């Protein structure tokens, strides 16, 4: 089970890992046109935004840079919104780290 409170150093690691994942989005249906209207190929990489909820209930969206400056409490609310669905990416990454620490001897 993932920790409910995370340290600042662990939060920074989670923010960096999220940034790696969020930068790996690709849409093959986006058409790329360069300067002068020249077609440069189908598909485009993009950064999926991380949505977090602050202490007042306001949404914070972050694409760049990695959310290493966000408090651990706010970062732990981080998710990717897919329409009405959410992927709680920070909680999931924290569970992955917990698993690796418990089963594979990872030391953080």
N, C-alpha and C. Protein backbone atom coordinates (compact mmCIF):
# COMPACT_ATOMS: atom_id res chain seq x y z
N UNK A 1 0.84 -1.19 0.00
CA UNK A 1 0.00 0.00 0.00
C UNK A 1 0.88 1.24 0.00
N UNK A 2 0.54 2.21 -0.82
CA UNK A 2 1.34 3.42 -0.93
C UNK A 2 1.22 4.28 0.31
N UNK A 3 2.27 5.02 0.57
CA UNK A 3 2.30 5.92 1.71
C UNK A 3 1.31 7.07 1.50
N UNK A 4 0.68 7.53 2.58
CA UNK A 4 -0.22 8.67 2.45
C UNK A 4 0.56 9.98 2.54
N UNK A 5 1.63 10.02 3.34
CA UNK A 5 2.48 11.20 3.43
C UNK A 5 3.82 10.87 2.80
N UNK A 6 4.26 11.75 1.92
CA UNK A 6 5.53 11.51 1.25
C UNK A 6 6.50 12.63 1.60
N UNK A 7 7.77 12.29 1.69
CA UNK A 7 8.80 13.28 2.01
C UNK A 7 9.04 14.19 0.81
N UNK A 8 9.69 15.31 1.06
CA UNK A 8 10.00 16.25 -0.01
C UNK A 8 10.92 15.61 -1.05
N UNK A 9 11.92 14.85 -0.61
CA UNK A 9 12.84 14.22 -1.57
C UNK A 9 12.12 13.16 -2.40
N UNK A 10 11.22 12.40 -1.78
CA UNK A 10 10.45 11.40 -2.53
C UNK A 10 9.50 12.09 -3.51
N UNK A 11 8.91 13.21 -3.08
CA UNK A 11 8.01 13.97 -3.96
C UNK A 11 8.77 14.48 -5.18
N UNK A 12 10.01 14.92 -5.00
CA UNK A 12 10.79 15.39 -6.14
C UNK A 12 11.09 14.24 -7.11
N UNK A 13 11.39 13.07 -6.57
CA UNK A 13 11.60 11.89 -7.42
C UNK A 13 10.33 11.55 -8.17
N UNK A 14 9.20 11.55 -7.49
CA UNK A 14 7.92 11.26 -8.15
C UNK A 14 7.61 12.28 -9.25
N UNK A 15 7.91 13.55 -8.99
CA UNK A 15 7.69 14.59 -10.01
C UNK A 15 8.56 14.35 -11.24
N UNK A 16 9.80 13.95 -11.02
CA UNK A 16 10.68 13.67 -12.16
C UNK A 16 10.21 12.45 -12.95
N UNK A 17 9.78 11.41 -12.25
CA UNK A 17 9.27 10.21 -12.93
C UNK A 17 8.00 10.53 -13.71
N UNK A 18 7.11 11.33 -13.11
CA UNK A 18 5.88 11.73 -13.81
C UNK A 18 6.23 12.51 -15.06
N UNK A 19 7.23 13.39 -14.97
CA UNK A 19 7.63 14.20 -16.11
C UNK A 19 8.10 13.32 -17.27
N UNK A 20 8.83 12.26 -16.96
CA UNK A 20 9.29 11.33 -18.00
C UNK A 20 8.09 10.68 -18.69
N UNK A 21 7.13 10.21 -17.91
CA UNK A 21 5.95 9.56 -18.47
C UNK A 21 5.10 10.55 -19.27
N UNK A 22 4.85 11.73 -18.69
CA UNK A 22 4.02 12.72 -19.35
C UNK A 22 4.59 13.21 -20.67
N UNK A 23 5.90 13.12 -20.84
CA UNK A 23 6.55 13.54 -22.08
C UNK A 23 6.51 12.47 -23.17
N UNK A 24 5.90 11.34 -22.92
CA UNK A 24 5.90 10.24 -23.88
C UNK A 24 4.56 10.05 -24.58
N UNK A 25 3.79 11.11 -24.71
CA UNK A 25 2.50 11.03 -25.42
C UNK A 25 2.72 11.29 -26.91
N UNK A 26 1.93 10.63 -27.71
CA UNK A 26 2.05 10.74 -29.16
C UNK A 26 0.68 10.59 -29.79
N UNK A 27 0.39 11.42 -30.77
CA UNK A 27 -0.87 11.32 -31.51
C UNK A 27 -0.52 11.23 -32.99
N UNK A 28 -0.75 10.08 -33.58
CA UNK A 28 -0.45 9.84 -34.99
C UNK A 28 -1.38 10.55 -35.95
N UNK A 29 -2.49 11.10 -35.45
CA UNK A 29 -3.44 11.77 -36.31
C UNK A 29 -3.20 13.27 -36.45
N UNK A 30 -2.27 13.81 -35.68
CA UNK A 30 -1.97 15.24 -35.79
C UNK A 30 -1.10 15.45 -37.01
N UNK A 31 -1.48 16.38 -37.86
CA UNK A 31 -0.72 16.69 -39.06
C UNK A 31 0.22 17.84 -38.77
N UNK A 32 1.49 17.67 -39.08
CA UNK A 32 2.51 18.69 -38.82
C UNK A 32 2.84 19.44 -40.10
N UNK A 33 2.68 20.75 -40.02
CA UNK A 33 3.05 21.62 -41.13
C UNK A 33 4.07 22.62 -40.62
N UNK A 34 5.17 22.71 -41.31
CA UNK A 34 6.25 23.60 -40.90
C UNK A 34 6.13 24.96 -41.55
N UNK A 35 7.19 25.76 -41.49
CA UNK A 35 7.20 27.10 -42.09
C UNK A 35 6.87 27.03 -43.58
N UNK A 36 6.07 27.95 -44.03
CA UNK A 36 5.70 27.98 -45.44
C UNK A 36 4.65 26.95 -45.81
N UNK A 37 4.09 26.25 -44.82
CA UNK A 37 3.04 25.29 -45.07
C UNK A 37 3.52 23.94 -45.58
N UNK A 38 4.81 23.65 -45.45
CA UNK A 38 5.34 22.36 -45.91
C UNK A 38 4.96 21.26 -44.92
N UNK A 39 4.45 20.18 -45.46
CA UNK A 39 4.06 19.03 -44.64
C UNK A 39 5.30 18.32 -44.12
N UNK A 40 5.39 18.14 -42.80
CA UNK A 40 6.55 17.51 -42.19
C UNK A 40 6.25 16.14 -41.62
N UNK A 41 5.10 15.57 -41.95
CA UNK A 41 4.80 14.23 -41.51
C UNK A 41 3.63 14.15 -40.55
N UNK A 42 3.07 12.98 -40.48
CA UNK A 42 1.94 12.74 -39.58
C UNK A 42 2.46 12.40 -38.20
N UNK A 43 1.70 12.79 -37.23
CA UNK A 43 2.02 12.43 -35.85
C UNK A 43 2.82 13.50 -35.15
N UNK A 44 2.59 13.58 -33.85
CA UNK A 44 3.30 14.57 -33.07
C UNK A 44 3.39 14.11 -31.62
N UNK A 45 4.56 14.29 -31.03
CA UNK A 45 4.75 14.07 -29.60
C UNK A 45 4.24 15.30 -28.86
N UNK A 46 3.73 15.10 -27.66
CA UNK A 46 3.30 16.23 -26.85
C UNK A 46 3.39 15.85 -25.38
N UNK A 47 3.33 16.83 -24.52
CA UNK A 47 3.42 16.64 -23.08
C UNK A 47 2.00 16.59 -22.53
N UNK A 48 1.65 15.49 -21.86
CA UNK A 48 0.34 15.38 -21.25
C UNK A 48 0.35 16.18 -19.94
N UNK A 49 -0.62 17.04 -19.72
CA UNK A 49 -0.60 17.88 -18.52
C UNK A 49 -0.96 17.11 -17.25
N UNK A 50 -0.26 17.44 -16.18
CA UNK A 50 -0.54 16.90 -14.85
C UNK A 50 -1.49 17.89 -14.18
N UNK A 51 -2.60 17.39 -13.66
CA UNK A 51 -3.55 18.22 -12.91
C UNK A 51 -3.41 17.90 -11.44
N UNK A 52 -3.31 18.95 -10.62
CA UNK A 52 -3.22 18.79 -9.17
C UNK A 52 -4.27 19.69 -8.52
N UNK A 53 -4.63 19.36 -7.30
CA UNK A 53 -5.60 20.15 -6.54
C UNK A 53 -4.88 20.76 -5.34
N UNK A 54 -4.93 22.10 -5.23
CA UNK A 54 -4.25 22.74 -4.10
C UNK A 54 -5.13 22.72 -2.84
N UNK A 55 -4.64 23.34 -1.77
CA UNK A 55 -5.33 23.31 -0.48
C UNK A 55 -6.69 24.02 -0.51
N UNK A 56 -6.88 24.93 -1.47
CA UNK A 56 -8.16 25.64 -1.57
C UNK A 56 -9.14 24.96 -2.52
N UNK A 57 -8.71 23.85 -3.12
CA UNK A 57 -9.57 23.14 -4.05
C UNK A 57 -9.41 23.58 -5.50
N UNK A 58 -8.49 24.50 -5.76
CA UNK A 58 -8.24 24.98 -7.12
C UNK A 58 -7.38 23.98 -7.89
N UNK A 59 -7.67 23.84 -9.17
CA UNK A 59 -6.88 22.96 -10.03
C UNK A 59 -5.63 23.69 -10.50
N UNK A 60 -4.52 22.99 -10.46
CA UNK A 60 -3.25 23.48 -11.00
C UNK A 60 -2.88 22.53 -12.12
N UNK A 61 -2.66 23.06 -13.33
CA UNK A 61 -2.22 22.22 -14.44
C UNK A 61 -0.76 22.54 -14.72
N UNK A 62 0.02 21.48 -14.91
CA UNK A 62 1.45 21.66 -15.14
C UNK A 62 1.86 20.78 -16.31
N UNK A 63 2.48 21.42 -17.29
CA UNK A 63 3.11 20.67 -18.37
C UNK A 63 4.62 20.77 -18.28
N UNK A 64 5.11 21.98 -18.10
CA UNK A 64 6.55 22.23 -17.96
C UNK A 64 6.75 23.24 -16.85
N UNK A 65 7.78 23.20 -16.13
CA UNK A 65 8.73 22.10 -15.97
C UNK A 65 8.16 21.02 -15.07
N UNK A 66 8.97 20.04 -14.71
CA UNK A 66 8.52 19.00 -13.77
C UNK A 66 8.06 19.69 -12.49
N UNK A 67 7.10 19.11 -11.80
CA UNK A 67 6.47 19.73 -10.63
C UNK A 67 7.30 19.56 -9.36
N UNK A 68 8.61 19.73 -9.46
CA UNK A 68 9.49 19.54 -8.30
C UNK A 68 9.35 20.65 -7.28
N UNK A 69 8.74 21.77 -7.65
CA UNK A 69 8.56 22.89 -6.73
C UNK A 69 7.21 22.84 -6.01
N UNK A 70 6.41 21.84 -6.26
CA UNK A 70 5.09 21.70 -5.66
C UNK A 70 5.21 20.95 -4.35
N UNK A 71 4.42 21.33 -3.35
CA UNK A 71 4.48 20.64 -2.05
C UNK A 71 4.08 19.17 -2.21
N UNK A 72 4.62 18.29 -1.38
CA UNK A 72 4.27 16.87 -1.47
C UNK A 72 2.76 16.62 -1.34
N UNK A 73 2.09 17.39 -0.51
CA UNK A 73 0.64 17.20 -0.33
C UNK A 73 -0.13 17.51 -1.61
N UNK A 74 0.22 18.61 -2.27
CA UNK A 74 -0.46 18.97 -3.52
C UNK A 74 -0.05 18.02 -4.64
N UNK A 75 1.24 17.70 -4.72
CA UNK A 75 1.71 16.77 -5.76
C UNK A 75 1.00 15.43 -5.66
N UNK A 76 0.76 14.96 -4.44
CA UNK A 76 0.14 13.63 -4.27
C UNK A 76 -1.27 13.57 -4.85
N UNK A 77 -1.87 14.72 -5.14
CA UNK A 77 -3.20 14.73 -5.78
C UNK A 77 -3.11 14.66 -7.30
N UNK A 78 -1.88 14.61 -7.85
CA UNK A 78 -1.67 14.71 -9.28
C UNK A 78 -2.28 13.57 -10.08
N UNK A 79 -2.95 13.95 -11.17
CA UNK A 79 -3.59 12.96 -12.05
C UNK A 79 -3.58 13.44 -13.48
N UNK A 80 -3.81 12.49 -14.41
CA UNK A 80 -4.04 12.80 -15.81
C UNK A 80 -5.55 12.67 -16.03
N UNK A 81 -6.13 13.67 -16.66
CA UNK A 81 -7.57 13.64 -16.95
C UNK A 81 -7.77 13.13 -18.38
N UNK A 82 -8.55 12.07 -18.51
CA UNK A 82 -8.93 11.50 -19.81
C UNK A 82 -10.44 11.61 -19.93
N UNK A 83 -10.94 12.76 -20.34
CA UNK A 83 -12.38 12.97 -20.35
C UNK A 83 -12.90 12.90 -18.93
N UNK A 84 -13.86 12.02 -18.68
CA UNK A 84 -14.42 11.86 -17.34
C UNK A 84 -13.55 10.96 -16.46
N UNK A 85 -12.53 10.34 -17.03
CA UNK A 85 -11.68 9.41 -16.29
C UNK A 85 -10.42 10.10 -15.79
N UNK A 86 -9.83 9.52 -14.75
CA UNK A 86 -8.59 10.04 -14.20
C UNK A 86 -7.61 8.89 -13.97
N UNK A 87 -6.36 9.16 -14.26
CA UNK A 87 -5.28 8.24 -13.92
C UNK A 87 -4.46 8.95 -12.84
N UNK A 88 -4.52 8.45 -11.62
CA UNK A 88 -3.79 9.05 -10.49
C UNK A 88 -2.33 8.64 -10.58
N UNK A 89 -1.60 9.35 -11.45
CA UNK A 89 -0.24 8.97 -11.81
C UNK A 89 0.73 9.06 -10.64
N UNK A 90 0.61 10.06 -9.79
CA UNK A 90 1.54 10.21 -8.67
C UNK A 90 1.32 9.08 -7.66
N UNK A 91 0.08 8.76 -7.35
CA UNK A 91 -0.20 7.65 -6.44
C UNK A 91 0.31 6.34 -7.03
N UNK A 92 0.11 6.16 -8.33
CA UNK A 92 0.56 4.93 -8.98
C UNK A 92 2.08 4.81 -8.95
N UNK A 93 2.78 5.90 -9.25
CA UNK A 93 4.24 5.86 -9.20
C UNK A 93 4.75 5.62 -7.79
N UNK A 94 4.07 6.18 -6.80
CA UNK A 94 4.45 5.96 -5.41
C UNK A 94 4.28 4.48 -5.05
N UNK A 95 3.22 3.85 -5.52
CA UNK A 95 3.01 2.42 -5.29
C UNK A 95 4.09 1.59 -5.98
N UNK A 96 4.51 2.00 -7.16
CA UNK A 96 5.59 1.30 -7.86
C UNK A 96 6.88 1.40 -7.05
N UNK A 97 7.19 2.58 -6.53
CA UNK A 97 8.39 2.74 -5.70
C UNK A 97 8.28 1.88 -4.44
N UNK A 98 7.10 1.87 -3.79
CA UNK A 98 6.90 1.03 -2.61
C UNK A 98 7.15 -0.44 -2.94
N UNK A 99 6.62 -0.88 -4.07
CA UNK A 99 6.80 -2.27 -4.49
C UNK A 99 8.28 -2.60 -4.71
N UNK A 100 8.97 -1.71 -5.41
CA UNK A 100 10.39 -1.94 -5.69
C UNK A 100 11.21 -1.93 -4.40
N UNK A 101 10.85 -1.08 -3.46
CA UNK A 101 11.55 -1.06 -2.18
C UNK A 101 11.33 -2.36 -1.41
N UNK A 102 10.10 -2.84 -1.42
CA UNK A 102 9.74 -4.03 -0.65
C UNK A 102 10.25 -5.32 -1.29
N UNK A 103 10.13 -5.42 -2.60
CA UNK A 103 10.41 -6.70 -3.28
C UNK A 103 11.75 -6.76 -4.01
N UNK A 104 12.36 -5.61 -4.28
CA UNK A 104 13.59 -5.62 -5.06
C UNK A 104 14.74 -4.90 -4.39
N UNK A 105 14.54 -4.53 -3.14
CA UNK A 105 15.63 -3.93 -2.39
C UNK A 105 16.01 -2.52 -2.80
N UNK A 106 15.12 -1.82 -3.51
CA UNK A 106 15.41 -0.46 -3.90
C UNK A 106 15.58 0.41 -2.65
N UNK A 107 16.62 1.21 -2.63
CA UNK A 107 16.88 2.14 -1.53
C UNK A 107 16.77 3.56 -2.06
N UNK A 108 15.87 4.33 -1.48
CA UNK A 108 15.69 5.73 -1.90
C UNK A 108 16.08 6.63 -0.75
